[in-house]
Amino acid sequence: MSSLAANLGVALRAMPGESVCGDQIGVWPQAEHRLQLALADGLGHGQGAHQAACNVMRLLGDLQPLAISSRFQSCDEGLLHSRGVALAMADIDLQAHCLTHAAVGNIRSLLLRHGKVRRLGAARGIVGAGYRDLYPEQHDFQAGDWLVMFSDGIGEDAQIADALAQAESNRATGQAAGQTSTQAIAQTLLERWASAHDDASLLLYQHV
């Protein structure tokens, strides 16, 4: 898992005027060859949204051994008395080059390969208030592929494929490593695209 820090970027920003962010991101390395990722968007903004998103991340920290569908069910039950969240999860088998993804609500998850974008599916509903038609998807996940997750504080018209292609070009031409790390890219893109009217979050992971 030594490459994790180099290939993972996460960025969060509270809605202007709020002191806490209603979006949260979780990262859980599993043994040597597995990685679990999650991005949650608490309904609304402010303290209630922040608490709901933090609560679901705490729950997920205790649910890591379960299958992705079972984790969603447990989170739905665990958030019954909160605002609830939109939630996306990804399980990555680094050795088998396999990505398992599922989501509820309006988190956007994208799989990018050679500039081509595949939008991953999401079930209708709210984790904490019920959902339906959750279908975990499995995808081939090869070296160089990107997984991108972002909340609705970033518009769907964000040119993510172009931005990541430019970042890879900058790496190839030897720009400063600190400016082209995946973490730096995530922070730069969040600042570029985050809405002034909502919390915003972005997770980038490039498979190696």
Protein backbone atom coordinates (compact mmCIF):
# COMPACT_ATOMS: atom_id res chain seq x y z
CA MET A 1 0.00 0.00 0.00
CA SER A 2 3.05 2.23 -0.23
CA SER A 3 1.74 3.88 -3.40
CA LEU A 4 -1.51 4.93 -1.74
CA ALA A 5 -0.42 8.39 -0.64
CA ALA A 6 1.04 9.17 -4.06
CA ASN A 7 -2.05 8.08 -5.99
CA LEU A 8 -4.85 9.33 -3.75
CA GLY A 9 -6.15 12.88 -3.45
CA VAL A 10 -9.00 14.12 -1.25
CA ALA A 11 -10.32 17.66 -0.84
CA LEU A 12 -13.18 19.13 1.18
CA ARG A 13 -14.57 22.66 1.48
CA ALA A 14 -17.45 23.90 3.61
CA MET A 15 -20.04 26.13 2.02
CA PRO A 16 -18.92 29.75 2.39
CA GLY A 17 -20.27 31.10 5.68
CA GLU A 18 -20.31 27.69 7.39
CA SER A 19 -17.70 26.57 9.93
CA VAL A 20 -18.03 22.83 9.23
CA CYS A 21 -18.34 20.78 6.04
CA GLY A 22 -21.35 18.55 5.44
CA ASP A 23 -19.30 16.33 3.12
CA GLN A 24 -16.83 13.74 4.41
CA ILE A 25 -14.41 11.24 2.82
CA GLY A 26 -13.17 7.92 4.19
CA VAL A 27 -10.14 5.83 3.19
CA TRP A 28 -9.48 2.37 4.65
CA PRO A 29 -6.54 0.29 3.41
CA GLN A 30 -7.38 -3.41 3.76
CA ALA A 31 -4.46 -5.80 4.27
CA GLU A 32 -1.93 -5.60 1.44
CA HIS A 33 -4.01 -5.60 -1.73
CA ARG A 34 -7.38 -4.04 -0.91
CA LEU A 35 -8.64 -0.51 -0.45
CA GLN A 36 -12.04 0.84 0.58
CA LEU A 37 -13.12 4.41 -0.24
CA ALA A 38 -16.27 6.36 0.56
CA LEU A 39 -17.66 9.86 0.02
CA ALA A 40 -20.72 11.11 1.92
CA ASP A 41 -22.80 14.26 1.46
CA GLY A 42 -25.00 15.06 4.47
CA LEU A 43 -28.35 16.53 3.50
CA GLY A 44 -28.33 20.31 3.54
CA HIS A 45 -25.35 22.02 5.12
CA GLY A 46 -24.10 23.17 8.50
CA GLN A 47 -23.83 21.20 11.73
CA GLY A 48 -26.60 18.70 11.01
CA ALA A 49 -25.14 17.71 7.64
CA HIS A 50 -21.64 17.54 9.14
CA GLN A 51 -22.79 15.29 11.97
CA ALA A 52 -24.61 12.90 9.61
CA ALA A 53 -21.60 12.61 7.27
CA CYS A 54 -19.18 12.09 10.18
CA ASN A 55 -21.48 9.47 11.71
CA VAL A 56 -21.60 7.42 8.52
CA MET A 57 -17.81 7.46 8.28
CA ARG A 58 -17.55 6.20 11.87
CA LEU A 59 -20.01 3.44 11.07
CA LEU A 60 -18.08 2.43 7.96
CA GLY A 61 -14.89 2.21 9.98
CA ASP A 62 -16.51 -0.61 11.97
CA LEU A 63 -18.12 -2.32 8.97
CA GLN A 64 -15.08 -2.94 6.78
CA PRO A 65 -15.28 -6.76 6.75
CA LEU A 66 -18.85 -6.71 5.37
CA ALA A 67 -19.84 -6.78 1.72
CA ILE A 68 -20.68 -3.42 0.21
CA SER A 69 -24.46 -4.06 0.17
CA SER A 70 -24.41 -5.02 3.85
CA ARG A 71 -22.49 -1.87 4.72
CA PHE A 72 -25.15 0.24 3.02
CA GLN A 73 -27.91 -1.55 4.93
CA SER A 74 -26.15 -1.07 8.27
CA CYS A 75 -25.51 2.61 7.55
CA ASP A 76 -29.15 3.13 6.57
CA GLU A 77 -30.23 1.68 9.91
CA GLY A 78 -27.56 3.57 11.83
CA LEU A 79 -28.59 6.96 10.47
CA LEU A 80 -32.35 6.65 11.06
CA HIS A 81 -32.44 9.54 13.51
CA SER A 82 -30.15 11.89 11.58
CA ARG A 83 -30.56 13.97 8.43
CA GLY A 84 -29.19 11.13 6.33
CA VAL A 85 -26.62 11.24 3.55
CA ALA A 86 -25.96 10.59 -0.08
CA LEU A 87 -23.18 8.00 -0.10
CA ALA A 88 -20.84 6.30 -2.56
CA MET A 89 -18.50 3.42 -1.75
CA ALA A 90 -15.75 1.77 -3.75
CA ASP A 91 -13.88 -1.42 -2.94
CA ILE A 92 -10.67 -1.87 -4.92
CA ASP A 93 -8.83 -5.18 -5.24
CA LEU A 94 -5.38 -3.95 -6.22
CA GLN A 95 -4.10 -7.40 -7.09
CA ALA A 96 -7.09 -8.56 -9.16
CA HIS A 97 -7.46 -5.08 -10.77
CA CYS A 98 -11.14 -5.00 -9.88
CA LEU A 99 -13.34 -2.10 -8.71
CA THR A 100 -16.66 -2.69 -6.94
CA HIS A 101 -18.84 0.41 -6.63
CA ALA A 102 -22.26 1.29 -5.28
CA ALA A 103 -23.95 4.57 -4.41
CA VAL A 104 -27.18 6.03 -3.07
CA GLY A 105 -28.19 9.58 -3.93
CA ASN A 106 -26.49 12.27 -5.94
CA ILE A 107 -22.80 11.50 -5.44
CA ARG A 108 -21.14 11.41 -8.88
CA SER A 109 -18.66 8.60 -9.48
CA LEU A 110 -16.66 8.32 -12.69
CA LEU A 111 -14.24 5.75 -14.09
CA LEU A 112 -11.77 7.27 -16.56
CA ARG A 113 -9.54 5.34 -18.96
CA HIS A 114 -7.48 7.01 -21.68
CA GLY A 115 -9.70 10.09 -21.53
CA LYS A 116 -12.94 8.12 -21.90
CA VAL A 117 -15.46 8.59 -19.07
CA ARG A 118 -17.87 6.00 -17.68
CA ARG A 119 -20.41 7.28 -15.18
CA LEU A 120 -21.10 4.74 -12.43
CA GLY A 121 -24.66 4.14 -11.28
CA ALA A 122 -26.48 5.16 -8.11
CA ALA A 123 -29.68 4.04 -6.41
CA ARG A 124 -32.50 6.42 -5.57
CA GLY A 125 -33.00 7.35 -1.95
CA ILE A 126 -31.18 8.58 1.14
CA VAL A 127 -29.00 6.54 3.45
CA GLY A 128 -30.85 6.97 6.74
CA ALA A 129 -34.29 7.30 5.13
CA GLY A 130 -34.38 4.28 2.85
CA TYR A 131 -33.31 3.50 -0.72
CA ARG A 132 -34.15 1.06 -3.47
CA ASP A 133 -32.51 -0.71 -6.40
CA LEU A 134 -28.97 -0.77 -5.03
CA TYR A 135 -26.87 -2.76 -7.49
CA PRO A 136 -23.13 -2.99 -6.79
CA GLU A 137 -21.18 -2.86 -10.05
CA GLN A 138 -17.88 -4.57 -10.77
CA HIS A 139 -15.46 -3.06 -13.26
CA ASP A 140 -12.08 -3.93 -14.65
CA PHE A 141 -9.61 -1.45 -13.12
CA GLN A 142 -6.28 -1.24 -14.91
CA ALA A 143 -3.06 0.69 -14.32
CA GLY A 144 -3.55 4.32 -15.25
CA ASP A 145 -7.33 4.28 -14.70
CA TRP A 146 -8.83 7.00 -12.51
CA LEU A 147 -11.71 6.71 -10.05
CA VAL A 148 -13.29 10.10 -9.36
CA MET A 149 -16.01 10.77 -6.76
CA PHE A 150 -17.52 14.18 -6.05
CA SER A 151 -20.53 15.69 -4.31
CA ASP A 152 -23.10 17.95 -5.92
CA GLY A 153 -21.11 20.96 -4.70
CA ILE A 154 -19.20 20.41 -7.94
CA GLY A 155 -21.20 20.77 -11.14
CA GLU A 156 -21.67 17.89 -13.54
CA ASP A 157 -20.23 20.07 -16.29
CA ALA A 158 -16.78 20.07 -14.66
CA GLN A 159 -14.26 19.01 -17.30
CA ILE A 160 -12.66 16.32 -15.19
CA ALA A 161 -11.25 14.18 -17.99
CA ASP A 162 -9.53 17.18 -19.55
CA ALA A 163 -8.19 18.35 -16.19
CA LEU A 164 -6.69 14.95 -15.34
CA ALA A 165 -5.19 14.61 -18.82
CA GLN A 166 -3.52 18.00 -18.32
CA ALA A 167 -2.24 16.94 -14.90
CA GLU A 168 -0.71 13.79 -16.36
CA SER A 169 0.90 15.87 -19.12
CA ASN A 170 2.39 18.17 -16.49
CA ARG A 171 3.86 15.17 -14.69
CA ALA A 172 5.33 13.84 -17.91
CA THR A 173 7.01 17.16 -18.69
CA GLY A 174 8.65 17.28 -15.27
CA GLN A 175 6.77 20.02 -13.47
CA ALA A 176 7.40 20.24 -9.73
CA ALA A 177 6.25 17.05 -7.98
CA GLY A 178 4.50 19.03 -5.26
CA GLN A 179 2.30 20.69 -7.87
CA THR A 180 1.40 17.46 -9.68
CA SER A 181 0.78 15.08 -6.77
CA THR A 182 -2.71 13.60 -6.77
CA GLN A 183 -3.45 15.45 -3.53
CA ALA A 184 -2.40 18.78 -5.05
CA ILE A 185 -4.50 18.07 -8.14
CA ALA A 186 -7.57 17.31 -6.02
CA GLN A 187 -7.19 20.52 -4.04
CA THR A 188 -6.65 22.63 -7.15
CA LEU A 189 -9.66 21.19 -8.94
CA LEU A 190 -11.91 21.58 -5.90
CA GLU A 191 -10.96 25.24 -5.60
CA ARG A 192 -11.65 25.70 -9.31
CA TRP A 193 -15.05 24.04 -9.40
CA ALA A 194 -16.63 24.24 -5.92
CA SER A 195 -20.02 25.95 -5.79
CA ALA A 196 -20.45 29.07 -3.67
CA HIS A 197 -23.82 27.69 -2.53
CA ASP A 198 -22.98 24.25 -1.14
CA ASP A 199 -20.38 22.10 0.57
CA ALA A 200 -18.03 20.44 -1.91
CA SER A 201 -15.81 17.37 -1.89
CA LEU A 202 -13.64 15.51 -4.39
CA LEU A 203 -11.82 12.17 -4.24
CA LEU A 204 -9.29 11.10 -6.89
CA TYR A 205 -7.58 7.72 -7.08
CA GLN A 206 -5.34 6.55 -9.90
CA HIS A 207 -4.72 2.83 -10.08
CA VAL A 208 -1.17 1.55 -10.53
